[in-house]
Amino acid sequence: MICEDVAQPLRSLLIKHRLDSLDGALAFEAGSDLDKPGLGHRRRTKAQFTDDDGGTHVFFIKRYGKERLRDRLKRRLEGGKASGPAGIEYANIVAANKLGVTRMRAVAWGQSRDAGYLVVSAVAGEALSRQDDEFWRKQNQDAAAASVLGGELASLAWRLHEGGYCHRDMYACHIFLCGPSESGNDLSLIDLARMFRPRWRKRRWRVKDLAELHSSLPTEWLARYWDGFLDRYTALSADDKTKLGRAVERKSAGIRAQLLRRCRRRQS
């Protein structure tokens, strides 16, 4: 179904391509599929459409097959709702929009017992992990600009955490730099499928989020400006900066070591 806040000409465009229903979305064969390790029963397709007014729209169409029993049980144990993965990700996007941590917009979705789909708008800009060497060179040469970025990253993470959520994949590849704003940079979280509200061990999940970010940022930037990130985050969260910093760095080291082991296994 098309989300209520979607207006013309976008609404007509979704209907034209039969993305207003689950059956139509599952039968959709245009666009280009995105290959990504670990997708399992999920299928992701990037599609670009032109409306009657000549406007261009880029969407990601996510389609879900039957959820495995162990995945369903795990989701229930973690406090997930009874709805399937499409419905959960849709709810996560709505929540993230309210918290001001994403520019991603859901335009259509549907869920049955054995399948589901979600259509989201593409987020403009590029992931932090894909910023070129020139971007990071300017960051390392301009302490004021780097401090602004660090503060914005900390505020983004804290808005999510203060709202009761954790991302579980808060790597630099899932934070988009959408362009300059009046205050500095326009940041947006993406890939919200695993976002959830932890019922217990909440600090552990916050540390994991921050460690994922730490492990995926350039080491030179971390050496110069991570301390400023912690200053901003702990000023908002009231955590002990030293204890939080040590916990994050320990977890980050574990993430890096695990990634290295995976790379070695693939090469052997």
Protein backbone atom coordinates (compact mmCIF):
# COMPACT_ATOMS: atom_id res chain seq x y z
CA MET A 1 0.00 0.00 0.00
CA ILE A 2 1.10 3.57 -0.59
CA CYS A 3 1.88 5.58 2.53
CA GLU A 4 -0.69 8.24 3.40
CA ASP A 5 1.64 11.22 3.10
CA VAL A 6 2.67 10.42 -0.49
CA ALA A 7 1.20 13.00 -2.90
CA GLN A 8 0.97 13.33 -6.66
CA PRO A 9 2.75 12.83 -9.03
CA LEU A 10 4.62 10.24 -6.96
CA ARG A 11 1.45 8.37 -6.01
CA SER A 12 0.49 7.88 -9.67
CA LEU A 13 4.01 6.74 -10.46
CA LEU A 14 3.88 4.00 -7.83
CA ILE A 15 0.50 2.83 -9.07
CA LYS A 16 1.75 2.81 -12.67
CA HIS A 17 4.56 0.41 -11.74
CA ARG A 18 2.25 -1.68 -9.50
CA LEU A 19 4.23 -0.82 -6.38
CA ASP A 20 1.02 -0.02 -4.53
CA SER A 21 0.41 -3.69 -3.69
CA LEU A 22 2.35 -6.66 -2.38
CA ASP A 23 1.57 -8.81 -5.41
CA GLY A 24 2.67 -6.07 -7.79
CA ALA A 25 5.88 -5.42 -5.89
CA LEU A 26 6.81 -9.09 -5.78
CA ALA A 27 6.29 -9.31 -9.57
CA PHE A 28 8.33 -6.16 -10.30
CA GLU A 29 11.26 -6.97 -12.61
CA ALA A 30 12.58 -3.55 -13.71
CA GLY A 31 15.58 -1.81 -12.15
CA SER A 32 18.81 -3.47 -11.08
CA ASP A 33 19.23 -5.92 -8.21
CA LEU A 34 21.89 -5.14 -5.62
CA ASP A 35 24.14 -7.98 -4.58
CA LYS A 36 25.13 -7.88 -0.93
CA PRO A 37 26.45 -10.69 1.29
CA GLY A 38 24.02 -11.96 3.88
CA LEU A 39 20.77 -10.89 2.21
CA GLY A 40 19.33 -14.39 2.60
CA HIS A 41 15.60 -14.34 1.81
CA ARG A 42 15.71 -10.62 0.99
CA ARG A 43 15.98 -8.99 -2.42
CA ARG A 44 16.98 -5.38 -3.00
CA THR A 45 16.37 -3.53 -6.25
CA LYS A 46 17.32 -0.01 -7.28
CA ALA A 47 14.89 1.63 -9.72
CA GLN A 48 14.69 5.06 -11.33
CA PHE A 49 11.40 6.42 -12.67
CA THR A 50 10.37 9.61 -14.46
CA ASP A 51 6.98 11.13 -13.63
CA ASP A 52 4.61 12.93 -16.01
CA ASP A 53 6.13 16.28 -15.07
CA GLY A 54 9.63 15.12 -16.01
CA GLY A 55 10.79 14.67 -12.44
CA THR A 56 13.21 11.84 -11.66
CA HIS A 57 12.70 9.59 -8.65
CA VAL A 58 15.13 6.95 -7.38
CA PHE A 59 13.86 4.21 -5.10
CA PHE A 60 15.11 1.11 -3.35
CA ILE A 61 12.60 -1.75 -3.41
CA LYS A 62 13.15 -4.27 -0.65
CA ARG A 63 11.39 -7.61 -0.92
CA TYR A 64 11.28 -10.22 1.82
CA GLY A 65 10.58 -13.94 1.55
CA LYS A 66 9.37 -16.16 4.35
CA GLU A 67 11.14 -15.40 7.58
CA ARG A 68 13.02 -18.26 9.19
CA LEU A 69 11.57 -19.54 12.45
CA ARG A 70 14.79 -18.82 14.38
CA ASP A 71 14.82 -15.24 13.07
CA ARG A 72 11.20 -14.78 14.13
CA LEU A 73 11.89 -16.16 17.59
CA LYS A 74 15.00 -14.01 17.97
CA ARG A 75 13.02 -10.91 17.02
CA ARG A 76 10.30 -11.73 19.53
CA LEU A 77 12.91 -12.32 22.25
CA GLU A 78 14.43 -8.91 21.53
CA GLY A 79 11.06 -7.26 21.92
CA GLY A 80 10.11 -7.03 18.26
CA LYS A 81 6.53 -6.60 17.17
CA ALA A 82 4.49 -9.40 15.69
CA SER A 83 4.56 -7.89 12.19
CA GLY A 84 7.11 -9.21 9.68
CA PRO A 85 10.39 -7.60 8.60
CA ALA A 86 8.83 -5.20 6.08
CA GLY A 87 6.45 -3.82 8.67
CA ILE A 88 9.21 -3.54 11.25
CA GLU A 89 11.56 -1.65 8.93
CA TYR A 90 8.71 0.66 7.91
CA ALA A 91 8.02 1.43 11.60
CA ASN A 92 11.75 2.01 12.17
CA ILE A 93 11.90 4.56 9.33
CA VAL A 94 8.89 6.41 10.75
CA ALA A 95 10.49 6.45 14.21
CA ALA A 96 13.87 7.58 12.84
CA ASN A 97 12.20 10.42 10.95
CA LYS A 98 10.53 11.60 14.16
CA LEU A 99 13.90 11.51 15.95
CA GLY A 100 15.52 13.50 13.15
CA VAL A 101 18.23 10.94 12.37
CA THR A 102 17.35 10.02 8.79
CA ARG A 103 16.26 11.59 5.53
CA MET A 104 15.11 8.21 4.21
CA ARG A 105 11.41 8.14 3.46
CA ALA A 106 9.12 5.13 3.12
CA VAL A 107 6.61 5.56 0.28
CA ALA A 108 4.94 2.14 0.10
CA TRP A 109 4.96 -1.17 1.95
CA GLY A 110 3.01 -4.35 2.48
CA GLN A 111 3.28 -7.48 4.60
CA SER A 112 1.67 -10.90 4.55
CA ARG A 113 2.48 -14.00 6.59
CA ASP A 114 5.08 -15.26 4.11
CA ALA A 115 6.27 -12.16 2.22
CA GLY A 116 6.63 -8.42 2.39
CA TYR A 117 7.94 -5.38 0.55
CA LEU A 118 9.08 -1.85 1.28
CA VAL A 119 9.79 1.01 -1.12
CA VAL A 120 12.05 3.78 0.17
CA SER A 121 13.39 6.93 -1.42
CA ALA A 122 17.10 7.09 -2.13
CA VAL A 123 19.06 9.35 0.21
CA ALA A 124 21.05 12.01 -1.59
CA GLY A 125 24.78 12.27 -1.01
CA GLU A 126 27.37 9.64 -0.21
CA ALA A 127 28.29 7.45 2.74
CA LEU A 128 31.07 8.59 5.05
CA SER A 129 32.94 5.39 4.19
CA ARG A 130 32.99 6.45 0.53
CA GLN A 131 34.30 9.97 1.02
CA ASP A 132 37.49 10.40 -0.97
CA ASP A 133 40.99 11.09 0.31
CA GLU A 134 40.56 14.81 -0.33
CA PHE A 135 37.60 14.98 2.06
CA TRP A 136 39.55 13.36 4.90
CA ARG A 137 42.67 15.39 4.11
CA LYS A 138 40.63 18.59 4.53
CA GLN A 139 39.18 17.20 7.76
CA ASN A 140 42.65 16.54 9.15
CA GLN A 141 43.85 19.99 8.11
CA ASP A 142 40.82 21.91 9.37
CA ALA A 143 40.28 21.28 13.07
CA ALA A 144 37.14 23.43 13.15
CA ALA A 145 35.45 21.46 10.34
CA ALA A 146 36.48 18.14 11.87
CA SER A 147 35.13 19.20 15.26
CA VAL A 148 31.82 20.13 13.66
CA LEU A 149 31.59 16.71 11.99
CA GLY A 150 32.48 14.94 15.25
CA GLY A 151 29.85 16.90 17.14
CA GLU A 152 27.22 16.15 14.52
CA LEU A 153 28.02 12.43 14.58
CA ALA A 154 27.74 12.45 18.37
CA SER A 155 24.41 14.30 18.24
CA LEU A 156 23.08 11.89 15.62
CA ALA A 157 23.99 8.88 17.75
CA TRP A 158 22.60 10.45 20.90
CA ARG A 159 19.26 11.43 19.32
CA LEU A 160 18.79 7.79 18.34
CA HIS A 161 19.85 6.48 21.75
CA GLU A 162 17.93 9.09 23.72
CA GLY A 163 14.83 8.02 21.80
CA GLY A 164 15.34 4.50 23.17
CA TYR A 165 16.68 2.93 19.98
CA CYS A 166 19.93 1.34 18.83
CA HIS A 167 20.97 0.85 15.22
CA ARG A 168 23.12 -2.32 15.47
CA ASP A 169 24.93 -1.46 12.20
CA MET A 170 26.17 2.07 12.85
CA TYR A 171 29.17 1.82 10.56
CA ALA A 172 30.37 4.74 8.46
CA CYS A 173 28.85 3.07 5.39
CA HIS A 174 25.39 3.59 6.93
CA ILE A 175 25.82 7.30 7.67
CA PHE A 176 25.30 9.51 4.65
CA LEU A 177 26.77 12.96 4.25
CA CYS A 178 23.95 14.59 2.32
CA GLY A 179 25.63 17.97 1.90
CA PRO A 180 26.34 21.13 3.85
CA SER A 181 23.62 22.61 6.05
CA GLU A 182 23.39 25.95 7.85
CA SER A 183 25.10 24.45 10.90
CA GLY A 184 27.65 22.24 9.13
CA ASN A 185 26.74 18.91 7.55
CA ASP A 186 23.47 17.19 6.78
CA LEU A 187 23.82 13.62 8.10
CA SER A 188 21.40 10.74 7.64
CA LEU A 189 21.28 7.19 8.97
CA ILE A 190 20.29 4.49 6.47
CA ASP A 191 19.75 0.72 6.57
CA LEU A 192 17.33 0.74 9.49
CA ALA A 193 16.18 -2.88 9.23
CA ARG A 194 17.94 -3.98 12.44
CA MET A 195 17.19 -0.87 14.49
CA PHE A 196 15.37 -1.81 17.69
CA ARG A 197 14.48 -0.83 21.25
CA PRO A 198 16.59 -2.94 23.64
CA ARG A 199 14.67 -4.07 26.70
CA TRP A 200 17.78 -4.83 28.77
CA ARG A 201 21.55 -4.21 28.67
CA LYS A 202 20.84 -0.87 27.01
CA ARG A 203 24.31 0.54 27.67
CA ARG A 204 25.86 -2.52 26.04
CA TRP A 205 23.92 -1.82 22.83
CA ARG A 206 24.84 1.87 22.88
CA VAL A 207 28.51 0.93 23.26
CA LYS A 208 28.19 -1.46 20.32
CA ASP A 209 26.75 1.30 18.11
CA LEU A 210 29.57 3.69 19.01
CA ALA A 211 32.19 0.97 18.56
CA GLU A 212 30.88 0.17 15.08
CA LEU A 213 31.28 3.83 14.16
CA HIS A 214 34.72 4.00 15.76
CA SER A 215 35.94 0.88 13.95
CA SER A 216 34.91 2.24 10.55
CA LEU A 217 36.37 5.76 10.65
CA PRO A 218 39.90 6.61 9.43
CA THR A 219 42.53 6.08 12.13
CA GLU A 220 44.10 9.52 11.65
CA TRP A 221 40.74 11.24 12.15
CA LEU A 222 40.10 9.13 15.24
CA ALA A 223 43.49 10.03 16.72
CA ARG A 224 42.81 13.73 16.29
CA TYR A 225 39.07 14.14 16.85
CA TRP A 226 37.45 11.12 18.54
CA ASP A 227 38.03 12.72 21.93
CA GLY A 228 35.87 15.63 20.79
CA PHE A 229 33.18 13.20 19.70
CA LEU A 230 33.17 11.69 23.20
CA ASP A 231 33.04 15.16 24.76
CA ARG A 232 29.87 15.94 22.83
CA TYR A 233 28.22 12.56 23.33
CA THR A 234 28.87 12.35 27.07
CA ALA A 235 27.76 15.95 27.53
CA LEU A 236 24.38 14.80 26.20
CA SER A 237 24.26 11.34 27.78
CA ALA A 238 25.86 12.10 31.18
CA ASP A 239 28.04 8.97 30.81
CA ASP A 240 31.46 8.90 32.40
CA LYS A 241 33.68 9.84 29.44
CA THR A 242 36.67 7.74 30.47
CA LYS A 243 34.67 4.58 31.15
CA LEU A 244 32.59 4.95 27.98
CA GLY A 245 35.66 5.68 25.87
CA ARG A 246 37.49 2.58 27.14
CA ALA A 247 34.44 0.37 26.59
CA VAL A 248 34.00 1.65 23.04
CA GLU A 249 37.67 1.17 22.15
CA ARG A 250 37.68 -2.39 23.55
CA LYS A 251 34.61 -3.28 21.51
CA SER A 252 36.01 -1.54 18.43
CA ALA A 253 39.21 -3.57 18.67
CA GLY A 254 37.14 -6.73 18.82
CA ILE A 255 35.19 -5.71 15.72
CA ARG A 256 38.39 -4.97 13.80
CA ALA A 257 39.90 -8.32 14.85
CA GLN A 258 36.78 -10.18 13.77
CA LEU A 259 36.85 -8.43 10.40
CA LEU A 260 40.50 -9.36 9.94
CA ARG A 261 39.74 -13.02 10.70
CA ARG A 262 36.95 -13.01 8.14
CA CYS A 263 39.26 -11.54 5.50
CA ARG A 264 41.88 -14.19 6.21
CA ARG A 265 39.32 -17.00 5.95
CA ARG A 266 38.15 -15.70 2.57
CA GLN A 267 41.72 -15.55 1.29
CA SER A 268 42.58 -19.08 2.43
